[in-house]
Amino acid sequence: MLKSFALCDGKLDNKRVGTFSCDTERKTFSLRVDNSIPLADLPLSLEMLVHKGDYIFGHEDTLRWVRMRLCPPGRHNIREILSGIGLSEYDEMKMLEASGARCDRDELFIVECRDD
């Protein structure tokens, strides 16, 4: 199943700056950054991705971006962290959803796009 999320930036008044997607069956990610937003307005984590002019990213680049936002699987006390969000094992997508993709590096967050 493909899940899509609006990628928003709290620093830009919660403006949508892209789309984050996950294929939950294949466990693959993709990211599309809105190319109408000036590079200087993007947080560093996105600016580093688009600095070469690419705004659409496949699984490997997006996975690196995801892992920058999460505590690493080998972190001390990872079991307690996972338990605190209701997980028994490390799962990047579930952790990202639980945190809203928020991290201390920027003000980005994700909001699920629902087909209503």
Foldseek 3Di string as FASTA:
>chain_A
DKWKWFKFAVVVVRDGQWMKIADVVVGFIKIFGPPVDDLVPDFPLVNVVCVVPDGIGTRPSVVVSLPVLDDDQPDPPVCVVCVVQPHRHDRSVSVLVSVQSDHPRGRIGIDIDDDD
